[in-house]
Protein backbone atom coordinates (compact mmCIF):
# COMPACT_ATOMS: atom_id res chain seq x y z
CA MET A 1 -120.80 -263.51 -73.51
CA TRP A 2 -123.71 -261.88 -75.31
CA LEU A 3 -121.37 -259.72 -77.31
CA LEU A 4 -119.42 -262.77 -78.53
CA ILE A 5 -122.68 -264.45 -79.59
CA ALA A 6 -123.69 -261.32 -81.48
CA PHE A 7 -120.33 -261.08 -83.28
CA ILE A 8 -120.72 -264.69 -84.40
CA ALA A 9 -124.44 -264.75 -85.15
CA VAL A 10 -124.91 -261.51 -87.08
CA PRO A 11 -122.36 -262.30 -89.82
CA LEU A 12 -123.81 -265.82 -90.15
CA ILE A 13 -127.35 -264.37 -90.47
CA GLU A 14 -126.14 -261.89 -93.04
CA ILE A 15 -124.33 -264.50 -95.10
CA GLY A 16 -127.41 -266.72 -95.04
CA LEU A 17 -129.69 -263.85 -96.12
CA PHE A 18 -127.31 -262.82 -98.89
CA ILE A 19 -127.28 -266.35 -100.21
CA GLN A 20 -131.09 -266.69 -100.09
CA VAL A 21 -131.91 -263.27 -101.54
CA GLY A 22 -129.17 -263.49 -104.13
CA GLY A 23 -130.38 -266.87 -105.25
CA LEU A 24 -133.95 -265.63 -105.43
CA ILE A 25 -133.45 -262.30 -107.32
CA GLY A 26 -129.82 -262.45 -108.60
CA LEU A 27 -126.55 -260.78 -107.78
CA PHE A 28 -127.06 -257.29 -109.24
CA PRO A 29 -130.52 -256.64 -107.81
CA THR A 30 -129.22 -257.78 -104.37
CA LEU A 31 -126.28 -255.40 -104.59
CA ALA A 32 -128.65 -252.61 -105.77
CA ILE A 33 -130.93 -253.20 -102.72
CA VAL A 34 -127.90 -252.98 -100.38
CA LEU A 35 -126.72 -249.68 -101.97
CA VAL A 36 -130.24 -248.15 -102.00
CA THR A 37 -130.78 -249.01 -98.33
CA ALA A 38 -127.38 -247.46 -97.45
CA VAL A 39 -128.22 -244.22 -99.25
CA LEU A 40 -131.80 -244.05 -97.95
CA GLY A 41 -130.59 -244.89 -94.45
CA THR A 42 -127.93 -242.15 -94.58
CA TRP A 43 -130.55 -239.61 -95.58
CA LEU A 44 -132.99 -240.71 -92.84
CA VAL A 45 -130.23 -240.66 -90.26
CA ARG A 46 -129.27 -237.13 -91.22
CA THR A 47 -132.81 -235.78 -91.00
CA GLN A 48 -133.74 -237.59 -87.78
CA GLY A 49 -130.38 -236.77 -86.27
CA ALA A 50 -130.93 -233.08 -86.92
CA MET A 51 -134.36 -233.34 -85.30
CA ALA A 52 -132.89 -235.13 -82.27
CA LEU A 53 -130.16 -232.45 -81.98
CA GLY A 54 -132.81 -229.75 -82.05
CA GLN A 55 -134.78 -231.54 -79.23
CA LEU A 56 -131.53 -231.79 -77.21
CA ARG A 57 -130.82 -228.06 -77.64
CA THR A 58 -134.43 -227.29 -76.56
CA SER A 59 -134.07 -229.43 -73.45
CA PHE A 60 -130.84 -227.65 -72.53
CA SER A 61 -132.31 -224.20 -73.09
CA ASP A 62 -135.46 -225.12 -71.10
CA LEU A 63 -133.33 -226.67 -68.33
CA ARG A 64 -135.15 -229.98 -68.77
CA ASP A 65 -133.70 -233.45 -68.38
CA PRO A 66 -131.73 -234.13 -71.60
CA THR A 67 -131.69 -237.93 -71.08
CA GLU A 68 -134.47 -238.79 -73.58
CA PRO A 69 -133.11 -236.71 -76.49
CA LEU A 70 -129.61 -238.05 -75.81
CA VAL A 71 -130.83 -241.67 -75.85
CA HIS A 72 -132.79 -241.00 -79.08
CA GLY A 73 -129.66 -239.43 -80.65
CA ALA A 74 -127.59 -242.48 -79.62
CA MET A 75 -130.09 -244.84 -81.11
CA ILE A 76 -130.18 -242.86 -84.33
CA LEU A 77 -126.37 -242.99 -84.45
CA PHE A 78 -126.46 -246.77 -83.86
CA ALA A 79 -129.05 -247.03 -86.60
CA GLY A 80 -126.75 -245.17 -88.92
CA ALA A 81 -123.87 -247.52 -88.18
CA LEU A 82 -126.16 -250.55 -88.90
CA LEU A 83 -127.48 -249.06 -92.11
CA LEU A 84 -124.01 -248.44 -93.43
CA THR A 85 -123.06 -252.02 -92.72
CA PRO A 86 -123.94 -254.08 -95.75
CA GLY A 87 -126.57 -256.69 -95.08
CA PHE A 88 -130.34 -257.28 -94.82
CA PHE A 89 -130.52 -258.12 -91.09
CA THR A 90 -128.53 -255.07 -90.01
CA ASP A 91 -130.61 -252.86 -92.36
CA ALA A 92 -133.84 -254.17 -90.87
CA VAL A 93 -132.63 -253.45 -87.28
CA GLY A 94 -131.22 -250.02 -88.40
CA PHE A 95 -134.50 -249.00 -90.00
CA ALA A 96 -136.38 -250.26 -86.94
CA PHE A 97 -134.30 -247.84 -84.76
CA LEU A 98 -135.32 -244.99 -87.07
CA VAL A 99 -139.03 -245.50 -86.21
CA PRO A 100 -139.80 -243.04 -83.34
CA SER A 101 -142.31 -245.36 -81.66
CA ILE A 102 -139.75 -248.23 -81.56
CA ARG A 103 -137.07 -245.86 -80.19
CA GLN A 104 -139.64 -244.66 -77.54
CA ALA A 105 -140.36 -248.33 -76.53
CA ALA A 106 -136.62 -249.07 -76.30
CA TYR A 107 -136.09 -245.93 -74.18
CA LYS A 108 -138.85 -246.93 -71.83
CA ALA A 109 -137.37 -250.46 -71.54
CA LEU A 110 -133.98 -248.99 -70.80
CA ARG A 111 -135.32 -246.53 -68.32
CA ALA A 112 -137.05 -249.30 -66.43
CA ARG A 113 -133.66 -251.03 -66.04
CA VAL A 114 -131.62 -247.96 -65.09
CA ASN A 115 -132.06 -246.16 -61.82
CA VAL A 116 -131.37 -242.40 -62.06
CA GLN A 117 -130.71 -240.88 -58.63
CA SER A 118 -131.14 -237.19 -59.40
CA PHE A 119 -130.78 -234.58 -61.97
CA GLY A 120 -130.11 -230.86 -61.52
CA THR A 121 -128.08 -227.91 -62.67
CA PRO A 122 -125.15 -226.46 -60.68
CA GLY A 123 -126.38 -224.13 -57.95
CA GLN A 124 -129.87 -225.53 -58.29
CA GLY A 125 -129.46 -228.72 -56.23
CA ALA A 126 -131.01 -232.00 -57.23
CA HIS A 127 -134.63 -231.31 -57.93
CA HIS A 128 -135.28 -234.55 -59.95
CA GLY A 129 -135.67 -232.83 -63.28
CA ALA A 130 -137.64 -229.76 -62.09
CA ALA A 131 -136.61 -226.81 -64.11
CA ARG A 132 -136.05 -223.38 -62.57
CA PRO A 133 -137.52 -220.59 -64.63
CA ALA A 134 -135.07 -218.00 -65.80
CA SER A 135 -135.40 -214.62 -64.22
CA GLN A 136 -134.06 -211.16 -64.88
CA GLY A 137 -131.78 -211.56 -61.89
CA ASP A 138 -129.69 -214.14 -63.81
CA VAL A 139 -128.05 -211.47 -65.99
CA ILE A 140 -125.77 -208.78 -64.68
CA ASP A 141 -125.48 -205.75 -66.91
CA ALA A 142 -122.38 -203.65 -66.19
CA ASP A 143 -120.08 -201.08 -67.68
CA TYR A 144 -116.31 -201.37 -67.46
CA HIS A 145 -113.17 -199.59 -68.55
CA GLU A 146 -109.76 -201.01 -68.96
CA ILE A 147 -106.95 -199.60 -66.81
CA VAL A 148 -103.63 -199.49 -68.72
CA ASP A 149 -100.38 -198.76 -66.93
CA GLU A 150 -98.82 -195.89 -68.88
CA ALA A 151 -95.55 -195.93 -66.94
CA PRO A 152 -92.71 -197.66 -68.77
CA ARG A 153 -91.25 -200.67 -67.02
CA ARG A 154 -87.69 -200.52 -65.98
CA ASN A 155 -85.69 -203.67 -66.39
CA ASP A 156 -82.58 -202.72 -64.39
CA GLY A 157 -82.75 -205.30 -61.65
CA PRO A 158 -84.59 -208.21 -60.14
CA SER A 159 -88.30 -208.14 -60.33
CA GLY A 160 -88.82 -208.30 -56.62
CA TRP A 161 -90.10 -211.87 -56.90
CA THR A 162 -86.59 -213.42 -56.95
CA LYS A 163 -83.88 -213.50 -54.31
CA HIS A 164 -80.38 -212.24 -55.04
């Protein structure tokens, strides 16, 4: 139901804002604002998305819970979609999601509504986000040599795996 309301309300809000702003400053300045916000939004999404990806990689390498960087990345992706959508309302919401403190507040609100049972890596068990420090015992250093069968294969009968 809420999704239906959003799909009806957002275009109506955008149309109303386009009419108001276009009547106030004119057609070409309105179109210029829409284009500038799309370009600026794309640049901001790229830079903040790269930072969020770096935080995600760090959380994986440190064996920390990657939930927060993933949520921030999803919000940045959502902000990018909103900023590429022409309109003043969607641009305002998109730019709001690019502000780290607003993303943090949204993350806290989402986290309060979602109950996470446990988090752990395979073989570690569920330790509720506690990271196990890496030790030297995690890497096995070994030498090997490949054994190649030098004898030629004869193909003069069944392989032994089939019945005749």
